[in-house]
């Protein structure tokens, strides 16, 4: 079995599973709202908030951490241009003018909400940090599922986006050490 056929099989299986768990029409408007949480403008707002917090607190590491978010997403955009994978054929993807692999929404949501989850876990007292981090970490999962459900991406695009976002997040947390 070739790599391409393995990826096609993975994509077919998880697309069908997603559509089975979330019957298309009844979940469409919900996932339409969820996908906005990973939109570029939302990720930019989070990025600006982190940078402003860094400026306000005088933390160069926090500023650099904020800047690392669009850098990570930008690497994903470059990968899209290198791979040139067409999007799935769907009513939703018909108006999208970019390639499919990796999912930028998935990349951006993992690195941005993951960083917010890290901040919440470290800074909030008692169980509040764990609770906030948990809810923040569910956002990238929901965003990824929304991209598959809406027909914007194949599951392998979402998985690659999550992994790229996780790599960026780990570089920020371990390498930059914003807090």
N, C-alpha and C. Protein backbone atom coordinates (compact mmCIF):
# COMPACT_ATOMS: atom_id res chain seq x y z
N UNK A 1 0.86 -1.18 0.00
CA UNK A 1 0.00 0.00 0.00
C UNK A 1 0.90 1.24 0.00
N UNK A 2 0.64 2.14 -0.91
CA UNK A 2 1.46 3.35 -1.03
C UNK A 2 1.07 4.37 0.04
N UNK A 3 1.95 5.33 0.22
CA UNK A 3 1.71 6.40 1.20
C UNK A 3 0.44 7.17 0.84
N UNK A 4 0.26 7.49 -0.45
CA UNK A 4 -0.93 8.24 -0.88
C UNK A 4 -2.21 7.48 -0.60
N UNK A 5 -2.20 6.20 -0.86
CA UNK A 5 -3.43 5.42 -0.62
C UNK A 5 -3.68 5.28 0.88
N UNK A 6 -2.63 5.22 1.67
CA UNK A 6 -2.80 5.18 3.13
C UNK A 6 -3.42 6.48 3.64
N UNK A 7 -2.94 7.60 3.11
CA UNK A 7 -3.48 8.90 3.51
C UNK A 7 -4.93 9.02 3.05
N UNK A 8 -5.23 8.59 1.82
CA UNK A 8 -6.62 8.62 1.33
C UNK A 8 -7.53 7.77 2.21
N UNK A 9 -7.04 6.62 2.61
CA UNK A 9 -7.82 5.74 3.49
C UNK A 9 -8.07 6.38 4.84
N UNK A 10 -7.02 6.98 5.39
CA UNK A 10 -7.14 7.70 6.67
C UNK A 10 -8.18 8.82 6.54
N UNK A 11 -8.04 9.62 5.48
CA UNK A 11 -8.96 10.74 5.26
C UNK A 11 -10.39 10.27 5.09
N UNK A 12 -10.60 9.23 4.28
CA UNK A 12 -11.95 8.70 4.05
C UNK A 12 -12.57 8.20 5.34
N UNK A 13 -11.79 7.43 6.10
CA UNK A 13 -12.29 6.86 7.35
C UNK A 13 -12.70 7.96 8.33
N UNK A 14 -11.82 8.92 8.56
CA UNK A 14 -12.11 9.93 9.58
C UNK A 14 -13.12 10.98 9.12
N UNK A 15 -13.21 11.22 7.82
CA UNK A 15 -14.28 12.10 7.32
C UNK A 15 -15.63 11.43 7.54
N UNK A 16 -15.73 10.16 7.20
CA UNK A 16 -16.98 9.41 7.40
C UNK A 16 -17.34 9.34 8.88
N UNK A 17 -16.35 9.09 9.73
CA UNK A 17 -16.59 9.02 11.17
C UNK A 17 -17.08 10.37 11.71
N UNK A 18 -16.44 11.45 11.28
CA UNK A 18 -16.85 12.79 11.71
C UNK A 18 -18.29 13.07 11.30
N UNK A 19 -18.63 12.73 10.07
CA UNK A 19 -19.99 12.97 9.58
C UNK A 19 -21.01 12.04 10.21
N UNK A 20 -20.56 10.87 10.67
CA UNK A 20 -21.46 9.94 11.36
C UNK A 20 -21.74 10.44 12.78
N UNK A 21 -20.70 10.90 13.46
CA UNK A 21 -20.87 11.40 14.84
C UNK A 21 -21.65 12.71 14.85
N UNK A 22 -21.39 13.56 13.87
CA UNK A 22 -22.04 14.87 13.77
C UNK A 22 -22.81 14.93 12.46
N UNK A 23 -24.06 14.42 12.44
CA UNK A 23 -24.84 14.44 11.19
C UNK A 23 -24.84 15.83 10.56
N UNK A 24 -24.52 15.87 9.30
CA UNK A 24 -24.16 17.09 8.58
C UNK A 24 -25.06 18.30 8.85
N UNK A 25 -26.28 18.25 8.49
CA UNK A 25 -27.13 19.45 8.56
C UNK A 25 -27.37 19.93 9.98
N UNK A 26 -27.55 19.02 10.91
CA UNK A 26 -27.88 19.43 12.28
C UNK A 26 -26.71 20.10 12.99
N UNK A 27 -25.50 19.86 12.55
CA UNK A 27 -24.31 20.43 13.20
C UNK A 27 -23.67 21.56 12.38
N UNK A 28 -24.13 21.79 11.17
CA UNK A 28 -23.48 22.74 10.26
C UNK A 28 -23.35 24.15 10.85
N UNK A 29 -24.43 24.69 11.41
CA UNK A 29 -24.35 26.06 11.94
C UNK A 29 -23.45 26.12 13.17
N UNK A 30 -23.48 25.08 14.01
CA UNK A 30 -22.59 25.04 15.18
C UNK A 30 -21.13 25.08 14.73
N UNK A 31 -20.77 24.20 13.80
CA UNK A 31 -19.38 24.16 13.34
C UNK A 31 -19.00 25.41 12.54
N UNK A 32 -19.99 26.03 11.92
CA UNK A 32 -19.73 27.31 11.26
C UNK A 32 -19.30 28.38 12.26
N UNK A 33 -19.89 28.34 13.46
CA UNK A 33 -19.49 29.28 14.51
C UNK A 33 -18.15 28.88 15.12
N UNK A 34 -17.95 27.60 15.33
CA UNK A 34 -16.71 27.11 15.96
C UNK A 34 -15.50 27.43 15.09
N UNK A 35 -15.64 27.29 13.78
CA UNK A 35 -14.50 27.50 12.89
C UNK A 35 -13.98 28.93 12.97
N UNK A 36 -14.84 29.88 13.35
CA UNK A 36 -14.44 31.28 13.51
C UNK A 36 -13.38 31.43 14.60
N UNK A 37 -13.40 30.53 15.58
CA UNK A 37 -12.40 30.59 16.66
C UNK A 37 -10.98 30.35 16.14
N UNK A 38 -10.87 29.75 14.96
CA UNK A 38 -9.56 29.53 14.36
C UNK A 38 -9.28 30.42 13.17
N UNK A 39 -10.21 31.34 12.86
CA UNK A 39 -10.01 32.27 11.74
C UNK A 39 -8.77 33.13 11.96
N UNK A 40 -8.13 33.54 10.87
CA UNK A 40 -6.93 34.39 11.01
C UNK A 40 -7.18 35.63 11.86
N UNK A 41 -8.32 36.29 11.73
CA UNK A 41 -8.57 37.51 12.50
C UNK A 41 -8.62 37.20 14.00
N UNK A 42 -9.20 36.07 14.37
CA UNK A 42 -9.27 35.68 15.78
C UNK A 42 -7.86 35.41 16.32
N UNK A 43 -7.06 34.71 15.55
CA UNK A 43 -5.69 34.40 15.97
C UNK A 43 -4.87 35.68 16.04
N UNK A 44 -5.10 36.62 15.14
CA UNK A 44 -4.41 37.92 15.19
C UNK A 44 -4.78 38.69 16.46
N UNK A 45 -6.05 38.67 16.82
CA UNK A 45 -6.50 39.36 18.05
C UNK A 45 -5.80 38.75 19.27
N UNK A 46 -5.73 37.42 19.34
CA UNK A 46 -5.04 36.76 20.45
C UNK A 46 -3.56 37.15 20.44
N UNK A 47 -2.96 37.14 19.27
CA UNK A 47 -1.54 37.50 19.12
C UNK A 47 -1.30 38.92 19.63
N UNK A 48 -2.12 39.85 19.19
CA UNK A 48 -1.97 41.25 19.61
C UNK A 48 -2.14 41.36 21.12
N UNK A 49 -3.10 40.64 21.67
CA UNK A 49 -3.30 40.66 23.13
C UNK A 49 -2.07 40.19 23.89
N UNK A 50 -1.44 39.13 23.41
CA UNK A 50 -0.24 38.61 24.07
C UNK A 50 0.92 39.60 23.93
N UNK A 51 1.08 40.18 22.76
CA UNK A 51 2.15 41.16 22.55
C UNK A 51 1.92 42.39 23.42
N UNK A 52 0.68 42.89 23.48
CA UNK A 52 0.37 44.04 24.32
C UNK A 52 0.63 43.72 25.79
N UNK A 53 0.27 42.52 26.22
CA UNK A 53 0.56 42.11 27.61
C UNK A 53 2.06 42.11 27.85
N UNK A 54 2.83 41.68 26.86
CA UNK A 54 4.29 41.68 26.99
C UNK A 54 4.84 43.09 27.07
N UNK A 55 4.32 43.99 26.25
CA UNK A 55 4.76 45.39 26.29
C UNK A 55 4.40 46.01 27.63
N UNK A 56 3.15 45.79 28.06
CA UNK A 56 2.65 46.36 29.32
C UNK A 56 3.47 45.87 30.52
N UNK A 57 3.83 44.58 30.50
CA UNK A 57 4.58 44.01 31.63
C UNK A 57 6.09 44.15 31.47
N UNK A 58 6.53 44.62 30.31
CA UNK A 58 7.96 44.76 30.06
C UNK A 58 8.65 43.43 29.82
N UNK A 59 7.92 42.44 29.34
CA UNK A 59 8.47 41.11 29.13
C UNK A 59 8.78 40.87 27.65
N UNK A 60 10.06 40.92 27.32
CA UNK A 60 10.50 40.66 25.95
C UNK A 60 10.13 39.23 25.53
N UNK A 61 10.24 38.29 26.46
CA UNK A 61 9.91 36.90 26.15
C UNK A 61 8.43 36.73 25.80
N UNK A 62 7.59 37.47 26.47
CA UNK A 62 6.16 37.42 26.17
C UNK A 62 5.88 38.02 24.78
N UNK A 63 6.55 39.10 24.47
CA UNK A 63 6.42 39.74 23.15
C UNK A 63 6.87 38.76 22.06
N UNK A 64 8.02 38.14 22.26
CA UNK A 64 8.54 37.18 21.28
C UNK A 64 7.59 35.98 21.15
N UNK A 65 7.00 35.55 22.25
CA UNK A 65 6.04 34.45 22.22
C UNK A 65 4.83 34.82 21.37
N UNK A 66 4.36 36.05 21.51
CA UNK A 66 3.24 36.51 20.69
C UNK A 66 3.61 36.55 19.22
N UNK A 67 4.80 37.01 18.92
CA UNK A 67 5.26 37.09 17.53
C UNK A 67 5.43 35.68 16.93
N UNK A 68 5.74 34.71 17.78
CA UNK A 68 5.95 33.33 17.30
C UNK A 68 4.65 32.70 16.77
N UNK A 69 3.51 33.21 17.20
CA UNK A 69 2.24 32.65 16.72
C UNK A 69 2.09 32.85 15.21
N UNK A 70 2.15 34.10 14.70
CA UNK A 70 2.01 34.25 13.24
C UNK A 70 3.18 33.65 12.46
N UNK A 71 4.34 33.53 13.08
CA UNK A 71 5.46 32.87 12.40
C UNK A 71 5.11 31.40 12.16
N UNK A 72 4.56 30.75 13.19
CA UNK A 72 4.15 29.34 13.06
C UNK A 72 3.09 29.19 11.97
N UNK A 73 2.09 30.06 11.99
CA UNK A 73 1.04 30.01 10.98
C UNK A 73 1.62 30.29 9.59
N UNK A 74 2.58 31.20 9.51
CA UNK A 74 3.24 31.53 8.25
C UNK A 74 4.00 30.35 7.68
N UNK A 75 4.62 29.56 8.54
CA UNK A 75 5.31 28.35 8.08
C UNK A 75 4.29 27.39 7.45
N UNK A 76 3.13 27.30 8.08
CA UNK A 76 2.06 26.47 7.51
C UNK A 76 1.63 26.98 6.15
N UNK A 77 1.53 28.30 5.99
CA UNK A 77 1.14 28.90 4.71
C UNK A 77 2.19 28.58 3.63
N UNK A 78 3.46 28.60 4.01
CA UNK A 78 4.52 28.24 3.06
C UNK A 78 4.41 26.77 2.67
N UNK A 79 4.11 25.91 3.64
CA UNK A 79 3.93 24.49 3.34
C UNK A 79 2.77 24.28 2.36
N UNK A 80 1.70 25.06 2.51
CA UNK A 80 0.58 24.97 1.57
C UNK A 80 1.06 25.22 0.14
N UNK A 81 1.92 26.22 -0.02
CA UNK A 81 2.42 26.56 -1.34
C UNK A 81 3.36 25.49 -1.89
N UNK A 82 4.09 24.83 -1.01
CA UNK A 82 5.00 23.76 -1.45
C UNK A 82 4.25 22.48 -1.80
N UNK A 83 3.26 22.13 -1.00
CA UNK A 83 2.54 20.87 -1.20
C UNK A 83 1.47 20.99 -2.28
N UNK A 84 0.79 22.13 -2.33
CA UNK A 84 -0.26 22.41 -3.31
C UNK A 84 -1.35 21.34 -3.35
N UNK A 85 -1.81 20.92 -2.20
CA UNK A 85 -2.89 19.93 -2.14
C UNK A 85 -4.24 20.63 -2.30
N UNK A 86 -5.02 20.15 -3.24
CA UNK A 86 -6.36 20.72 -3.45
C UNK A 86 -7.25 20.40 -2.25
N UNK A 87 -8.18 21.30 -2.00
CA UNK A 87 -9.13 21.09 -0.91
C UNK A 87 -10.16 20.04 -1.32
N UNK A 88 -10.83 19.46 -0.31
CA UNK A 88 -11.94 18.56 -0.64
C UNK A 88 -13.01 19.33 -1.43
N UNK A 89 -13.72 18.65 -2.25
CA UNK A 89 -14.78 19.30 -3.02
C UNK A 89 -16.02 19.39 -2.13
N UNK A 90 -16.42 20.61 -1.82
CA UNK A 90 -17.61 20.84 -1.00
C UNK A 90 -18.15 22.22 -1.30
N UNK A 91 -19.38 22.43 -0.89
CA UNK A 91 -19.99 23.75 -1.05
C UNK A 91 -19.19 24.80 -0.27
N UNK A 92 -18.72 24.43 0.91
CA UNK A 92 -17.97 25.35 1.77
C UNK A 92 -16.62 25.71 1.15
N UNK A 93 -15.90 24.70 0.64
CA UNK A 93 -14.55 24.94 0.14
C UNK A 93 -14.53 25.61 -1.24
N UNK A 94 -15.67 25.65 -1.90
CA UNK A 94 -15.73 26.20 -3.25
C UNK A 94 -15.27 27.66 -3.32
N UNK A 95 -15.46 28.41 -2.24
CA UNK A 95 -15.08 29.83 -2.25
C UNK A 95 -13.71 30.08 -1.60
N UNK A 96 -13.04 29.03 -1.15
CA UNK A 96 -11.72 29.19 -0.52
C UNK A 96 -10.65 29.18 -1.60
N UNK A 97 -9.76 30.14 -1.57
CA UNK A 97 -8.78 30.28 -2.63
C UNK A 97 -7.38 29.79 -2.28
N UNK A 98 -7.25 29.02 -1.22
CA UNK A 98 -5.93 28.54 -0.83
C UNK A 98 -5.89 27.01 -0.88
N UNK A 99 -4.69 26.48 -0.76
CA UNK A 99 -4.53 25.03 -0.75
C UNK A 99 -4.93 24.47 0.61
N UNK A 100 -4.94 23.16 0.69
CA UNK A 100 -5.53 22.46 1.83
C UNK A 100 -4.53 22.05 2.92
N UNK A 101 -3.32 21.68 2.55
CA UNK A 101 -2.39 21.06 3.51
C UNK A 101 -1.25 21.99 3.89
N UNK A 102 -1.06 22.23 5.18
CA UNK A 102 -1.83 21.83 6.37
C UNK A 102 -2.93 22.85 6.67
N UNK A 103 -3.81 22.50 7.58
CA UNK A 103 -4.90 23.40 7.96
C UNK A 103 -4.35 24.56 8.79
N UNK A 104 -4.49 25.77 8.26
CA UNK A 104 -4.04 26.97 8.98
C UNK A 104 -4.88 27.23 10.22
N UNK A 105 -6.19 26.95 10.14
CA UNK A 105 -7.05 27.12 11.31
C UNK A 105 -6.58 26.21 12.45
N UNK A 106 -6.22 24.98 12.10
CA UNK A 106 -5.76 24.03 13.12
C UNK A 106 -4.42 24.45 13.70
N UNK A 107 -3.51 24.88 12.84
CA UNK A 107 -2.20 25.35 13.31
C UNK A 107 -2.36 26.54 14.24
N UNK A 108 -3.08 27.55 13.78
CA UNK A 108 -3.25 28.76 14.57
C UNK A 108 -3.96 28.53 15.87
N UNK A 109 -4.99 27.68 15.86
CA UNK A 109 -5.72 27.46 17.10
C UNK A 109 -4.89 26.69 18.12
N UNK A 110 -4.08 25.74 17.69
CA UNK A 110 -3.24 25.00 18.65
C UNK A 110 -2.21 25.93 19.28
N UNK A 111 -1.51 26.71 18.47
CA UNK A 111 -0.45 27.55 19.04
C UNK A 111 -1.03 28.69 19.87
N UNK A 112 -2.12 29.32 19.42
CA UNK A 112 -2.68 30.47 20.15
C UNK A 112 -3.42 30.03 21.41
N UNK A 113 -4.38 29.12 21.26
CA UNK A 113 -5.15 28.68 22.44
C UNK A 113 -4.29 27.82 23.36
N UNK A 114 -3.33 27.10 22.79
CA UNK A 114 -2.40 26.32 23.63
C UNK A 114 -1.56 27.23 24.51
N UNK A 115 -1.13 28.35 23.95
CA UNK A 115 -0.35 29.32 24.73
C UNK A 115 -1.22 29.96 25.81
N UNK A 116 -2.46 30.30 25.47
CA UNK A 116 -3.38 30.83 26.48
C UNK A 116 -3.65 29.79 27.58
N UNK A 117 -3.78 28.53 27.20
CA UNK A 117 -3.99 27.46 28.18
C UNK A 117 -2.78 27.34 29.11
N UNK A 118 -1.60 27.45 28.54
CA UNK A 118 -0.38 27.41 29.35
C UNK A 118 -0.35 28.57 30.34
N UNK A 119 -0.68 29.77 29.86
CA UNK A 119 -0.71 30.94 30.75
C UNK A 119 -1.74 30.73 31.87
N UNK A 120 -2.91 30.24 31.52
CA UNK A 120 -3.97 30.02 32.51
C UNK A 120 -3.52 29.00 33.54
N UNK A 121 -2.94 27.91 33.08
CA UNK A 121 -2.49 26.84 33.98
C UNK A 121 -1.44 27.36 34.97
N UNK A 122 -0.51 28.16 34.48
CA UNK A 122 0.59 28.65 35.31
C UNK A 122 0.15 29.79 36.23
N UNK A 123 -0.71 30.67 35.73
CA UNK A 123 -1.02 31.91 36.45
C UNK A 123 -2.28 31.89 37.30
N UNK A 124 -3.28 31.11 36.94
CA UNK A 124 -4.52 31.15 37.71
C UNK A 124 -4.42 30.28 38.96
N UNK A 125 -4.98 30.75 40.06
CA UNK A 125 -4.85 30.02 41.33
C UNK A 125 -5.74 28.77 41.41
N UNK A 126 -5.28 27.84 42.21
CA UNK A 126 -6.07 26.65 42.52
C UNK A 126 -6.49 25.88 41.30
N UNK A 127 -7.71 25.34 41.36
CA UNK A 127 -8.17 24.53 40.23
C UNK A 127 -8.57 25.36 39.01
N UNK A 128 -8.65 26.68 39.16
CA UNK A 128 -9.09 27.53 38.05
C UNK A 128 -8.16 27.45 36.86
N UNK A 129 -6.87 27.33 37.12
CA UNK A 129 -5.91 27.21 36.02
C UNK A 129 -6.11 25.94 35.22
N UNK A 130 -6.36 24.85 35.92
CA UNK A 130 -6.58 23.56 35.25
C UNK A 130 -7.89 23.60 34.46
N UNK A 131 -8.93 24.16 35.06
CA UNK A 131 -10.24 24.23 34.40
C UNK A 131 -10.15 25.11 33.15
N UNK A 132 -9.55 26.29 33.29
CA UNK A 132 -9.42 27.20 32.14
C UNK A 132 -8.58 26.57 31.04
N UNK A 133 -7.46 25.93 31.43
CA UNK A 133 -6.58 25.29 30.45
C UNK A 133 -7.33 24.18 29.71
N UNK A 134 -8.10 23.40 30.44
CA UNK A 134 -8.87 22.33 29.81
C UNK A 134 -9.80 22.89 28.74
N UNK A 135 -10.57 23.91 29.09
CA UNK A 135 -11.51 24.48 28.12
C UNK A 135 -10.80 25.13 26.94
N UNK A 136 -9.69 25.80 27.21
CA UNK A 136 -8.93 26.41 26.11
C UNK A 136 -8.36 25.34 25.17
N UNK A 137 -7.98 24.20 25.73
CA UNK A 137 -7.42 23.13 24.90
C UNK A 137 -8.47 22.39 24.08
N UNK A 138 -9.74 22.53 24.46
CA UNK A 138 -10.79 21.91 23.64
C UNK A 138 -11.05 22.71 22.36
N UNK A 139 -10.67 23.98 22.36
CA UNK A 139 -10.93 24.82 21.18
C UNK A 139 -10.24 24.30 19.93
N UNK A 140 -8.93 24.00 19.96
CA UNK A 140 -8.30 23.50 18.72
C UNK A 140 -8.90 22.17 18.24
N UNK A 141 -9.34 21.34 19.17
CA UNK A 141 -9.97 20.08 18.77
C UNK A 141 -11.27 20.37 18.02
N UNK A 142 -12.08 21.26 18.60
CA UNK A 142 -13.35 21.62 17.97
C UNK A 142 -13.13 22.32 16.63
N UNK A 143 -12.13 23.19 16.56
CA UNK A 143 -11.83 23.88 15.31
C UNK A 143 -11.43 22.86 14.23
N UNK A 144 -10.58 21.92 14.59
CA UNK A 144 -10.16 20.90 13.63
C UNK A 144 -11.34 20.07 13.12
N UNK A 145 -12.20 19.66 14.03
CA UNK A 145 -13.38 18.89 13.64
C UNK A 145 -14.27 19.74 12.73
N UNK A 146 -14.39 21.03 13.05
CA UNK A 146 -15.23 21.91 12.23
C UNK A 146 -14.70 22.00 10.80
N UNK A 147 -13.38 22.02 10.65
CA UNK A 147 -12.80 22.14 9.31
C UNK A 147 -13.09 20.89 8.46
N UNK A 148 -13.09 19.72 9.11
CA UNK A 148 -13.43 18.48 8.42
C UNK A 148 -14.92 18.46 8.10
N UNK A 149 -15.73 18.77 9.10
CA UNK A 149 -17.18 18.70 8.95
C UNK A 149 -17.69 19.66 7.87
N UNK A 150 -17.12 20.84 7.81
CA UNK A 150 -17.56 21.82 6.82
C UNK A 150 -17.06 21.52 5.41
N UNK A 151 -16.07 20.62 5.32
CA UNK A 151 -15.53 20.27 4.02
C UNK A 151 -14.39 21.17 3.56
N UNK A 152 -13.80 21.90 4.50
CA UNK A 152 -12.68 22.78 4.17
C UNK A 152 -11.36 22.02 4.09
N UNK A 153 -11.26 20.91 4.83
CA UNK A 153 -10.01 20.16 4.91
C UNK A 153 -10.25 18.67 5.01
N UNK A 154 -9.24 17.93 4.63
CA UNK A 154 -9.18 16.50 4.89
C UNK A 154 -8.66 16.32 6.33
N UNK A 155 -8.97 15.20 6.98
CA UNK A 155 -8.45 14.95 8.32
C UNK A 155 -6.92 15.02 8.40
N UNK A 156 -6.22 14.56 7.37
CA UNK A 156 -4.75 14.61 7.40
C UNK A 156 -4.25 16.06 7.38
N UNK A 157 -5.00 16.98 6.76
CA UNK A 157 -4.64 18.40 6.80
C UNK A 157 -4.74 18.93 8.22
N UNK A 158 -5.82 18.54 8.89
CA UNK A 158 -6.06 18.99 10.27
C UNK A 158 -4.99 18.41 11.20
N UNK A 159 -4.71 17.13 11.06
CA UNK A 159 -3.68 16.49 11.88
C UNK A 159 -2.33 17.17 11.68
N UNK A 160 -1.97 17.45 10.45
CA UNK A 160 -0.70 18.14 10.17
C UNK A 160 -0.71 19.54 10.77
N UNK A 161 -1.84 20.25 10.69
CA UNK A 161 -1.95 21.57 11.30
C UNK A 161 -1.79 21.51 12.81
N UNK A 162 -2.44 20.52 13.43
CA UNK A 162 -2.29 20.36 14.88
C UNK A 162 -0.83 20.09 15.25
N UNK A 163 -0.16 19.23 14.49
CA UNK A 163 1.24 18.90 14.80
C UNK A 163 2.16 20.11 14.61
N UNK A 164 1.94 20.88 13.55
CA UNK A 164 2.74 22.09 13.33
C UNK A 164 2.49 23.09 14.46
N UNK A 165 1.21 23.28 14.83
CA UNK A 165 0.89 24.19 15.93
C UNK A 165 1.51 23.72 17.24
N UNK A 166 1.50 22.41 17.48
CA UNK A 166 2.11 21.86 18.69
C UNK A 166 3.61 22.09 18.70
N UNK A 167 4.25 21.92 17.55
CA UNK A 167 5.69 22.18 17.45
C UNK A 167 5.98 23.64 17.80
N UNK A 168 5.22 24.56 17.22
CA UNK A 168 5.39 25.99 17.53
C UNK A 168 5.16 26.27 19.00
N UNK A 169 4.12 25.66 19.57
CA UNK A 169 3.81 25.85 20.99
C UNK A 169 4.93 25.34 21.88
N UNK A 170 5.46 24.17 21.56
CA UNK A 170 6.56 23.61 22.36
C UNK A 170 7.82 24.48 22.27
N UNK A 171 8.09 25.00 21.09
CA UNK A 171 9.24 25.91 20.95
C UNK A 171 9.04 27.14 21.82
N UNK A 172 7.82 27.67 21.84
CA UNK A 172 7.54 28.85 22.68
C UNK A 172 7.71 28.51 24.16
N UNK A 173 7.06 27.44 24.61
CA UNK A 173 7.06 27.11 26.05
C UNK A 173 8.43 26.66 26.53
N UNK A 174 9.09 25.80 25.75
CA UNK A 174 10.37 25.24 26.19
C UNK A 174 11.54 26.14 25.80
N UNK A 175 11.50 26.69 24.59
CA UNK A 175 12.62 27.49 24.10
C UNK A 175 12.61 28.93 24.56
N UNK A 176 11.47 29.58 24.40
CA UNK A 176 11.37 31.01 24.76
C UNK A 176 11.11 31.19 26.25
N UNK A 177 10.31 30.30 26.81
CA UNK A 177 9.92 30.36 28.23
C UNK A 177 9.33 31.72 28.61
N UNK A 178 8.10 31.98 28.10
CA UNK A 178 7.51 33.29 28.33
C UNK A 178 7.21 33.61 29.79
N UNK A 179 6.99 32.58 30.62
CA UNK A 179 6.76 32.81 32.06
C UNK A 179 7.60 31.85 32.86
